[in-house]
Amino acid sequence: MTQQQVADYLGLHERYYKSLETGERLGSIWIWDKLEDLFNVHQRVLREIHRGTADNQ
């Protein structure tokens, strides 16, 4: 799914959803509940920060 499609599903602006993905914003519990249902992935996993290989050095 595109970021815009997920934002539409959540009823959010795409910019706000992008800020959730980057960790810039925390987001409400209901957002994480809906993302968990949408992707069938526990929200603890969804909230993990994955750094690029350059950051892991």
C-alpha atoms as a PDB file:
ATOM      1  CA  MET A   1       0.000   0.000   0.000  1.00  0.00           C
ATOM      2  CA  THR A   2       1.117   3.541  -0.604  1.00  0.00           C
ATOM      3  CA  GLN A   3       1.423   6.025   2.232  1.00  0.00           C
ATOM      4  CA  GLN A   4      -1.552   7.891   0.774  1.00  0.00           C
ATOM      5  CA  GLN A   5      -3.685   4.723   0.784  1.00  0.00           C
ATOM      6  CA  VAL A   6      -2.832   4.017   4.418  1.00  0.00           C
ATOM      7  CA  ALA A   7      -3.507   7.629   5.375  1.00  0.00           C
ATOM      8  CA  ASP A   8      -6.888   7.448   3.612  1.00  0.00           C
ATOM      9  CA  TYR A   9      -7.704   4.201   5.443  1.00  0.00           C
ATOM     10  CA  LEU A  10      -6.908   5.905   8.743  1.00  0.00           C
ATOM     11  CA  GLY A  11      -8.672   9.133   7.811  1.00  0.00           C
ATOM     12  CA  LEU A  12      -5.459  11.136   8.208  1.00  0.00           C
ATOM     13  CA  HIS A  13      -3.496  13.503   6.019  1.00  0.00           C
ATOM     14  CA  GLU A  14      -0.581  11.793   4.263  1.00  0.00           C
ATOM     15  CA  ARG A  15       1.892  14.191   5.895  1.00  0.00           C
ATOM     16  CA  TYR A  16       0.703  13.154   9.362  1.00  0.00           C
ATOM     17  CA  TYR A  17       0.990   9.458   8.478  1.00  0.00           C
ATOM     18  CA  LYS A  18       4.524   9.997   7.149  1.00  0.00           C
ATOM     19  CA  SER A  19       5.476  11.622  10.452  1.00  0.00           C
ATOM     20  CA  LEU A  20       4.279   8.464  12.236  1.00  0.00           C
ATOM     21  CA  GLU A  21       6.442   6.297   9.985  1.00  0.00           C
ATOM     22  CA  THR A  22       9.543   8.375  10.665  1.00  0.00           C
ATOM     23  CA  GLY A  23       8.915   8.500  14.415  1.00  0.00           C
ATOM     24  CA  GLU A  24       8.481  12.255  14.333  1.00  0.00           C
ATOM     25  CA  ARG A  25       5.055  11.819  15.974  1.00  0.00           C
ATOM     26  CA  LEU A  26       3.829   9.160  18.347  1.00  0.00           C
ATOM     27  CA  GLY A  27       0.206   8.914  17.244  1.00  0.00           C
ATOM     28  CA  SER A  28      -2.868   7.882  19.210  1.00  0.00           C
ATOM     29  CA  ILE A  29      -3.604   4.357  20.364  1.00  0.00           C
ATOM     30  CA  TRP A  30      -6.534   4.047  17.944  1.00  0.00           C
ATOM     31  CA  ILE A  31      -4.191   4.702  15.009  1.00  0.00           C
ATOM     32  CA  TRP A  32      -1.841   1.894  16.065  1.00  0.00           C
ATOM     33  CA  ASP A  33      -4.823  -0.414  16.661  1.00  0.00           C
ATOM     34  CA  LYS A  34      -6.064   0.211  13.116  1.00  0.00           C
ATOM     35  CA  LEU A  35      -2.565  -0.247  11.629  1.00  0.00           C
ATOM     36  CA  GLU A  36      -2.228  -3.506  13.539  1.00  0.00           C
ATOM     37  CA  ASP A  37      -5.511  -4.725  12.033  1.00  0.00           C
ATOM     38  CA  LEU A  38      -4.644  -3.497   8.544  1.00  0.00           C
ATOM     39  CA  PHE A  39      -1.212  -5.110   8.327  1.00  0.00           C
ATOM     40  CA  ASN A  40      -1.874  -8.038  10.687  1.00  0.00           C
ATOM     41  CA  VAL A  41       1.334  -7.164  12.544  1.00  0.00           C
ATOM     42  CA  HIS A  42       1.542  -6.427  16.273  1.00  0.00           C
ATOM     43  CA  GLN A  43       1.851  -2.716  16.898  1.00  0.00           C
ATOM     44  CA  ARG A  44       5.029  -3.214  18.931  1.00  0.00           C
ATOM     45  CA  VAL A  45       6.656  -4.440  15.741  1.00  0.00           C
ATOM     46  CA  LEU A  46       5.125  -1.607  13.728  1.00  0.00           C
ATOM     47  CA  ARG A  47       6.577   0.961  16.140  1.00  0.00           C
ATOM     48  CA  GLU A  48      10.119  -0.422  16.030  1.00  0.00           C
ATOM     49  CA  ILE A  49      12.726   1.859  14.530  1.00  0.00           C
ATOM     50  CA  HIS A  50      14.795   0.185  11.848  1.00  0.00           C
ATOM     51  CA  ARG A  51      17.940   2.039  10.952  1.00  0.00           C
ATOM     52  CA  GLY A  52      19.648   1.781   7.594  1.00  0.00           C
ATOM     53  CA  THR A  53      22.925  -0.099   7.253  1.00  0.00           C
ATOM     54  CA  ALA A  54      24.863   3.170   7.358  1.00  0.00           C
ATOM     55  CA  ASP A  55      23.372   3.929  10.799  1.00  0.00           C
ATOM     56  CA  ASN A  56      24.318   0.502  12.181  1.00  0.00           C
ATOM     57  CA  GLN A  57      28.045   0.921  11.706  1.00  0.00           C
END
